[in-house]
């Protein structure tokens, strides 16, 4: 059998404890989510899709229209890929409409829902 010095055995044990702790945290507080486009994310169990839709729709309403790139700049730490998902989620909820042109994809508030 291979004999390792004690410091390597302790480092190995610490690594396994770190992996175990990460798994426990993942199971208790996080979940894996797959969006309709196939994007996989790890998110908190307290994550509220309704809040994301509300916040995204409000930002689009304030700005008049937004692209995914513009939204990712407005929301600190939000990647363009997740910005696309947020905009599409808000569109599916009926809060936004999209305009797909040669200049790119822009999202606008859904004016059809507003009373005349």
N, C-alpha and C. Protein backbone atom coordinates (compact mmCIF):
# COMPACT_ATOMS: atom_id res chain seq x y z
N UNK A 1 0.84 -1.18 0.00
CA UNK A 1 0.00 0.00 0.00
C UNK A 1 0.88 1.24 0.00
N UNK A 2 0.37 2.27 -0.62
CA UNK A 2 1.09 3.53 -0.72
C UNK A 2 0.92 4.31 0.58
N UNK A 3 2.04 4.71 1.18
CA UNK A 3 1.99 5.48 2.44
C UNK A 3 2.20 6.95 2.11
N UNK A 4 1.24 7.78 2.45
CA UNK A 4 1.34 9.22 2.22
C UNK A 4 1.70 9.90 3.54
N UNK A 5 2.46 11.00 3.44
CA UNK A 5 2.72 11.77 4.65
C UNK A 5 1.41 12.28 5.24
N UNK A 6 1.39 12.54 6.54
CA UNK A 6 0.20 12.96 7.25
C UNK A 6 -0.42 14.22 6.64
N UNK A 7 0.41 15.17 6.21
CA UNK A 7 -0.14 16.42 5.67
C UNK A 7 -0.98 16.17 4.42
N UNK A 8 -0.61 15.18 3.59
CA UNK A 8 -1.39 14.86 2.40
C UNK A 8 -2.70 14.19 2.78
N UNK A 9 -2.66 13.35 3.77
CA UNK A 9 -3.87 12.68 4.25
C UNK A 9 -4.86 13.70 4.81
N UNK A 10 -4.35 14.69 5.58
CA UNK A 10 -5.21 15.73 6.14
C UNK A 10 -5.78 16.62 5.04
N UNK A 11 -4.95 16.95 4.06
CA UNK A 11 -5.42 17.78 2.95
C UNK A 11 -6.50 17.04 2.18
N UNK A 12 -6.31 15.76 1.99
CA UNK A 12 -7.30 14.95 1.29
C UNK A 12 -8.60 14.90 2.08
N UNK A 13 -8.50 14.73 3.40
CA UNK A 13 -9.69 14.69 4.24
C UNK A 13 -10.41 16.04 4.21
N UNK A 14 -9.64 17.13 4.23
CA UNK A 14 -10.25 18.46 4.17
C UNK A 14 -10.97 18.67 2.84
N UNK A 15 -10.40 18.18 1.77
CA UNK A 15 -11.03 18.29 0.47
C UNK A 15 -12.35 17.53 0.43
N UNK A 16 -12.36 16.30 0.98
CA UNK A 16 -13.58 15.53 1.01
C UNK A 16 -14.64 16.18 1.89
N UNK A 17 -14.23 16.78 3.00
CA UNK A 17 -15.18 17.48 3.86
C UNK A 17 -15.76 18.71 3.14
N UNK A 18 -14.93 19.40 2.39
CA UNK A 18 -15.39 20.55 1.61
C UNK A 18 -16.39 20.11 0.54
N UNK A 19 -16.10 19.02 -0.13
CA UNK A 19 -17.02 18.48 -1.14
C UNK A 19 -18.33 18.07 -0.49
N UNK A 20 -18.25 17.39 0.65
CA UNK A 20 -19.46 16.97 1.36
C UNK A 20 -20.28 18.17 1.79
N UNK A 21 -19.64 19.18 2.35
CA UNK A 21 -20.33 20.39 2.79
C UNK A 21 -21.00 21.08 1.59
N UNK A 22 -20.30 21.16 0.48
CA UNK A 22 -20.87 21.79 -0.72
C UNK A 22 -22.11 21.04 -1.20
N UNK A 23 -22.06 19.72 -1.14
CA UNK A 23 -23.22 18.92 -1.54
C UNK A 23 -24.40 19.15 -0.60
N UNK A 24 -24.14 19.22 0.69
CA UNK A 24 -25.20 19.46 1.66
C UNK A 24 -25.85 20.82 1.43
N UNK A 25 -25.02 21.84 1.23
CA UNK A 25 -25.54 23.19 0.96
C UNK A 25 -26.36 23.19 -0.32
N UNK A 26 -25.85 22.51 -1.33
CA UNK A 26 -26.55 22.44 -2.62
C UNK A 26 -27.92 21.77 -2.46
N UNK A 27 -27.97 20.70 -1.72
CA UNK A 27 -29.23 19.97 -1.54
C UNK A 27 -30.23 20.78 -0.72
N UNK A 28 -29.76 21.45 0.33
CA UNK A 28 -30.67 22.15 1.24
C UNK A 28 -31.10 23.53 0.74
N UNK A 29 -30.22 24.24 0.03
CA UNK A 29 -30.50 25.64 -0.26
C UNK A 29 -30.53 26.01 -1.74
N UNK A 30 -30.14 25.12 -2.60
CA UNK A 30 -30.06 25.45 -4.04
C UNK A 30 -30.77 24.39 -4.85
N UNK A 31 -31.06 24.74 -6.08
CA UNK A 31 -31.63 23.77 -7.01
C UNK A 31 -31.10 24.06 -8.41
N UNK A 32 -31.11 23.05 -9.24
CA UNK A 32 -30.69 23.17 -10.62
C UNK A 32 -31.94 23.44 -11.44
N UNK A 33 -31.86 24.43 -12.32
CA UNK A 33 -33.01 24.76 -13.14
C UNK A 33 -32.60 24.75 -14.60
N UNK A 34 -33.45 24.19 -15.43
CA UNK A 34 -33.22 24.19 -16.87
C UNK A 34 -34.29 25.03 -17.53
N UNK A 35 -33.86 26.09 -18.23
CA UNK A 35 -34.79 26.96 -18.94
C UNK A 35 -35.23 26.28 -20.23
N UNK A 36 -36.28 26.81 -20.84
CA UNK A 36 -36.81 26.23 -22.08
C UNK A 36 -35.78 26.25 -23.21
N UNK A 37 -34.85 27.19 -23.17
CA UNK A 37 -33.82 27.28 -24.20
C UNK A 37 -32.69 26.28 -23.98
N UNK A 38 -32.71 25.59 -22.82
CA UNK A 38 -31.68 24.60 -22.52
C UNK A 38 -30.61 25.10 -21.57
N UNK A 39 -30.64 26.37 -21.19
CA UNK A 39 -29.66 26.95 -20.27
C UNK A 39 -29.88 26.36 -18.88
N UNK A 40 -28.79 25.88 -18.26
CA UNK A 40 -28.85 25.34 -16.91
C UNK A 40 -28.26 26.34 -15.93
N UNK A 41 -28.94 26.55 -14.81
CA UNK A 41 -28.43 27.44 -13.76
C UNK A 41 -28.64 26.80 -12.40
N UNK A 42 -27.85 27.23 -11.44
CA UNK A 42 -28.05 26.87 -10.03
C UNK A 42 -28.65 28.10 -9.38
N UNK A 43 -29.80 27.92 -8.73
CA UNK A 43 -30.44 29.06 -8.11
C UNK A 43 -30.92 28.72 -6.71
N UNK A 44 -31.11 29.76 -5.95
CA UNK A 44 -31.55 29.62 -4.57
C UNK A 44 -32.99 29.10 -4.54
N UNK A 45 -33.30 28.33 -3.51
CA UNK A 45 -34.67 27.85 -3.34
C UNK A 45 -35.64 29.00 -3.08
N UNK A 46 -35.13 30.11 -2.56
CA UNK A 46 -35.98 31.26 -2.27
C UNK A 46 -36.19 32.13 -3.51
N UNK A 47 -35.59 31.77 -4.63
CA UNK A 47 -35.72 32.52 -5.88
C UNK A 47 -37.19 32.57 -6.30
N UNK A 48 -37.67 33.74 -6.62
CA UNK A 48 -39.07 33.91 -7.01
C UNK A 48 -39.16 34.31 -8.48
N UNK A 49 -39.75 33.43 -9.27
CA UNK A 49 -39.92 33.73 -10.70
C UNK A 49 -40.83 34.94 -10.89
N UNK A 50 -41.84 35.06 -10.04
CA UNK A 50 -42.76 36.19 -10.13
C UNK A 50 -42.03 37.51 -9.89
N UNK A 51 -41.11 37.52 -8.92
CA UNK A 51 -40.34 38.73 -8.63
C UNK A 51 -39.43 39.09 -9.80
N UNK A 52 -38.82 38.08 -10.41
CA UNK A 52 -37.95 38.32 -11.58
C UNK A 52 -38.76 38.91 -12.73
N UNK A 53 -39.93 38.34 -12.98
CA UNK A 53 -40.79 38.84 -14.06
C UNK A 53 -41.22 40.28 -13.77
N UNK A 54 -41.63 40.53 -12.53
CA UNK A 54 -42.06 41.88 -12.14
C UNK A 54 -40.92 42.89 -12.29
N UNK A 55 -39.73 42.54 -11.77
CA UNK A 55 -38.59 43.46 -11.82
C UNK A 55 -38.13 43.72 -13.25
N UNK A 56 -38.08 42.66 -14.06
CA UNK A 56 -37.66 42.80 -15.46
C UNK A 56 -38.66 43.65 -16.23
N UNK A 57 -39.94 43.38 -16.04
CA UNK A 57 -40.98 44.15 -16.73
C UNK A 57 -40.92 45.62 -16.33
N UNK A 58 -40.66 45.87 -15.06
CA UNK A 58 -40.57 47.26 -14.57
C UNK A 58 -39.38 47.99 -15.19
N UNK A 59 -38.24 47.31 -15.30
CA UNK A 59 -37.07 47.93 -15.93
C UNK A 59 -37.34 48.27 -17.40
N UNK A 60 -37.99 47.35 -18.10
CA UNK A 60 -38.32 47.61 -19.51
C UNK A 60 -39.30 48.78 -19.62
N UNK A 61 -40.26 48.83 -18.71
CA UNK A 61 -41.23 49.93 -18.73
C UNK A 61 -40.54 51.27 -18.46
N UNK A 62 -39.61 51.30 -17.51
CA UNK A 62 -38.88 52.54 -17.19
C UNK A 62 -38.04 53.02 -18.37
N UNK A 63 -37.40 52.09 -19.06
CA UNK A 63 -36.49 52.46 -20.16
C UNK A 63 -37.20 52.59 -21.50
N UNK A 64 -38.42 52.08 -21.61
CA UNK A 64 -39.15 52.13 -22.87
C UNK A 64 -38.97 50.86 -23.68
N UNK A 65 -37.76 50.38 -23.76
CA UNK A 65 -37.44 49.11 -24.43
C UNK A 65 -36.04 48.70 -24.00
N UNK A 66 -35.77 47.41 -24.06
CA UNK A 66 -34.44 46.91 -23.68
C UNK A 66 -34.07 45.69 -24.53
N UNK A 67 -32.79 45.58 -24.78
CA UNK A 67 -32.24 44.35 -25.35
C UNK A 67 -31.64 43.55 -24.20
N UNK A 68 -31.25 42.33 -24.46
CA UNK A 68 -30.63 41.51 -23.42
C UNK A 68 -29.31 42.13 -22.95
N UNK A 69 -28.56 42.68 -23.89
CA UNK A 69 -27.29 43.31 -23.53
C UNK A 69 -27.52 44.52 -22.63
N UNK A 70 -28.52 45.32 -22.93
CA UNK A 70 -28.82 46.49 -22.10
C UNK A 70 -29.28 46.07 -20.70
N UNK A 71 -30.11 45.02 -20.64
CA UNK A 71 -30.58 44.53 -19.33
C UNK A 71 -29.41 43.99 -18.51
N UNK A 72 -28.49 43.29 -19.15
CA UNK A 72 -27.35 42.74 -18.41
C UNK A 72 -26.45 43.85 -17.85
N UNK A 73 -26.42 44.99 -18.52
CA UNK A 73 -25.65 46.13 -17.99
C UNK A 73 -26.37 46.79 -16.82
N UNK A 74 -27.70 46.79 -16.87
CA UNK A 74 -28.48 47.42 -15.79
C UNK A 74 -28.49 46.60 -14.50
N UNK A 75 -28.52 45.28 -14.64
CA UNK A 75 -28.59 44.40 -13.47
C UNK A 75 -27.19 43.86 -13.20
N UNK A 76 -26.60 44.30 -12.12
CA UNK A 76 -25.23 43.93 -11.79
C UNK A 76 -25.08 42.42 -11.64
N UNK A 77 -24.08 41.86 -12.33
CA UNK A 77 -23.78 40.44 -12.22
C UNK A 77 -24.66 39.54 -13.10
N UNK A 78 -25.49 40.12 -13.95
CA UNK A 78 -26.38 39.33 -14.80
C UNK A 78 -25.73 39.14 -16.17
N UNK A 79 -25.55 37.88 -16.55
CA UNK A 79 -24.96 37.59 -17.86
C UNK A 79 -25.99 37.87 -18.96
N UNK A 80 -25.51 38.02 -20.17
CA UNK A 80 -26.41 38.26 -21.30
C UNK A 80 -27.34 37.07 -21.49
N UNK A 81 -26.83 35.86 -21.31
CA UNK A 81 -27.65 34.66 -21.47
C UNK A 81 -28.81 34.65 -20.47
N UNK A 82 -28.54 35.02 -19.22
CA UNK A 82 -29.62 35.07 -18.22
C UNK A 82 -30.55 36.26 -18.46
N UNK A 83 -30.01 37.34 -19.02
CA UNK A 83 -30.86 38.48 -19.38
C UNK A 83 -31.86 38.06 -20.45
N UNK A 84 -31.41 37.28 -21.43
CA UNK A 84 -32.32 36.76 -22.46
C UNK A 84 -33.41 35.93 -21.81
N UNK A 85 -33.03 35.05 -20.88
CA UNK A 85 -34.01 34.19 -20.20
C UNK A 85 -35.02 35.02 -19.42
N UNK A 86 -34.56 36.06 -18.74
CA UNK A 86 -35.47 36.92 -17.98
C UNK A 86 -36.47 37.62 -18.90
N UNK A 87 -35.97 38.13 -20.01
CA UNK A 87 -36.85 38.82 -20.96
C UNK A 87 -37.87 37.86 -21.57
N UNK A 88 -37.41 36.66 -21.94
CA UNK A 88 -38.33 35.67 -22.51
C UNK A 88 -39.36 35.21 -21.49
N UNK A 89 -38.94 35.07 -20.23
CA UNK A 89 -39.86 34.68 -19.16
C UNK A 89 -40.94 35.77 -18.98
N UNK A 90 -40.53 37.02 -19.03
CA UNK A 90 -41.49 38.13 -18.89
C UNK A 90 -42.42 38.19 -20.09
N UNK A 91 -41.89 37.86 -21.26
CA UNK A 91 -42.73 37.82 -22.47
C UNK A 91 -43.77 36.70 -22.36
N UNK A 92 -43.34 35.52 -21.91
CA UNK A 92 -44.28 34.40 -21.75
C UNK A 92 -45.38 34.73 -20.73
N UNK A 93 -45.03 35.55 -19.74
CA UNK A 93 -46.03 35.95 -18.74
C UNK A 93 -46.99 37.00 -19.30
N UNK A 94 -46.69 37.52 -20.50
CA UNK A 94 -47.58 38.50 -21.12
C UNK A 94 -47.24 39.94 -20.81
N UNK A 95 -46.16 40.18 -20.06
CA UNK A 95 -45.81 41.55 -19.67
C UNK A 95 -45.03 42.30 -20.74
N UNK A 96 -44.36 41.57 -21.62
CA UNK A 96 -43.53 42.19 -22.65
C UNK A 96 -43.89 41.67 -24.03
N UNK A 97 -43.55 42.48 -25.03
CA UNK A 97 -43.63 42.08 -26.44
C UNK A 97 -42.25 42.26 -27.03
N UNK A 98 -41.95 41.48 -28.06
CA UNK A 98 -40.61 41.61 -28.67
C UNK A 98 -40.70 42.09 -30.10
N UNK A 99 -39.62 42.71 -30.52
CA UNK A 99 -39.45 43.15 -31.90
C UNK A 99 -38.12 42.60 -32.37
N UNK A 100 -38.16 41.66 -33.29
CA UNK A 100 -36.96 41.00 -33.79
C UNK A 100 -36.63 41.57 -35.16
N UNK A 101 -35.62 42.43 -35.22
CA UNK A 101 -35.23 43.09 -36.46
C UNK A 101 -33.77 42.82 -36.76
N UNK A 102 -33.28 43.40 -37.85
CA UNK A 102 -31.87 43.22 -38.21
C UNK A 102 -30.96 43.88 -37.17
N UNK A 103 -31.48 44.87 -36.45
CA UNK A 103 -30.70 45.52 -35.39
C UNK A 103 -30.60 44.66 -34.14
N UNK A 104 -31.45 43.63 -34.04
CA UNK A 104 -31.42 42.74 -32.88
C UNK A 104 -32.78 42.63 -32.23
N UNK A 105 -32.81 41.89 -31.15
CA UNK A 105 -34.05 41.61 -30.43
C UNK A 105 -34.26 42.67 -29.35
N UNK A 106 -35.39 43.37 -29.41
CA UNK A 106 -35.75 44.39 -28.43
C UNK A 106 -37.07 43.98 -27.78
N UNK A 107 -37.18 44.26 -26.49
CA UNK A 107 -38.40 43.95 -25.76
C UNK A 107 -39.05 45.25 -25.30
N UNK A 108 -40.38 45.31 -25.43
CA UNK A 108 -41.17 46.49 -25.10
C UNK A 108 -42.27 46.10 -24.12
N UNK A 109 -42.75 47.06 -23.33
CA UNK A 109 -43.90 46.76 -22.47
C UNK A 109 -45.10 46.36 -23.34
N UNK A 110 -45.91 45.44 -22.87
CA UNK A 110 -47.09 44.99 -23.59
C UNK A 110 -48.21 46.01 -23.39
N UNK A 111 -48.37 46.90 -24.34
CA UNK A 111 -49.38 47.96 -24.25
C UNK A 111 -50.80 47.42 -24.44
N UNK A 112 -50.93 46.20 -24.97
CA UNK A 112 -52.25 45.63 -25.20
C UNK A 112 -52.95 45.31 -23.88
N UNK A 113 -52.17 45.16 -22.80
CA UNK A 113 -52.75 44.85 -21.50
C UNK A 113 -53.24 46.10 -20.76
N UNK A 114 -52.80 47.27 -21.22
CA UNK A 114 -53.17 48.52 -20.54
C UNK A 114 -54.56 48.96 -20.95
N UNK A 115 -55.34 49.48 -20.01
CA UNK A 115 -56.69 49.96 -20.37
C UNK A 115 -56.59 51.18 -21.27
N UNK A 116 -57.54 51.31 -22.17
CA UNK A 116 -57.54 52.44 -23.14
C UNK A 116 -57.88 53.73 -22.49
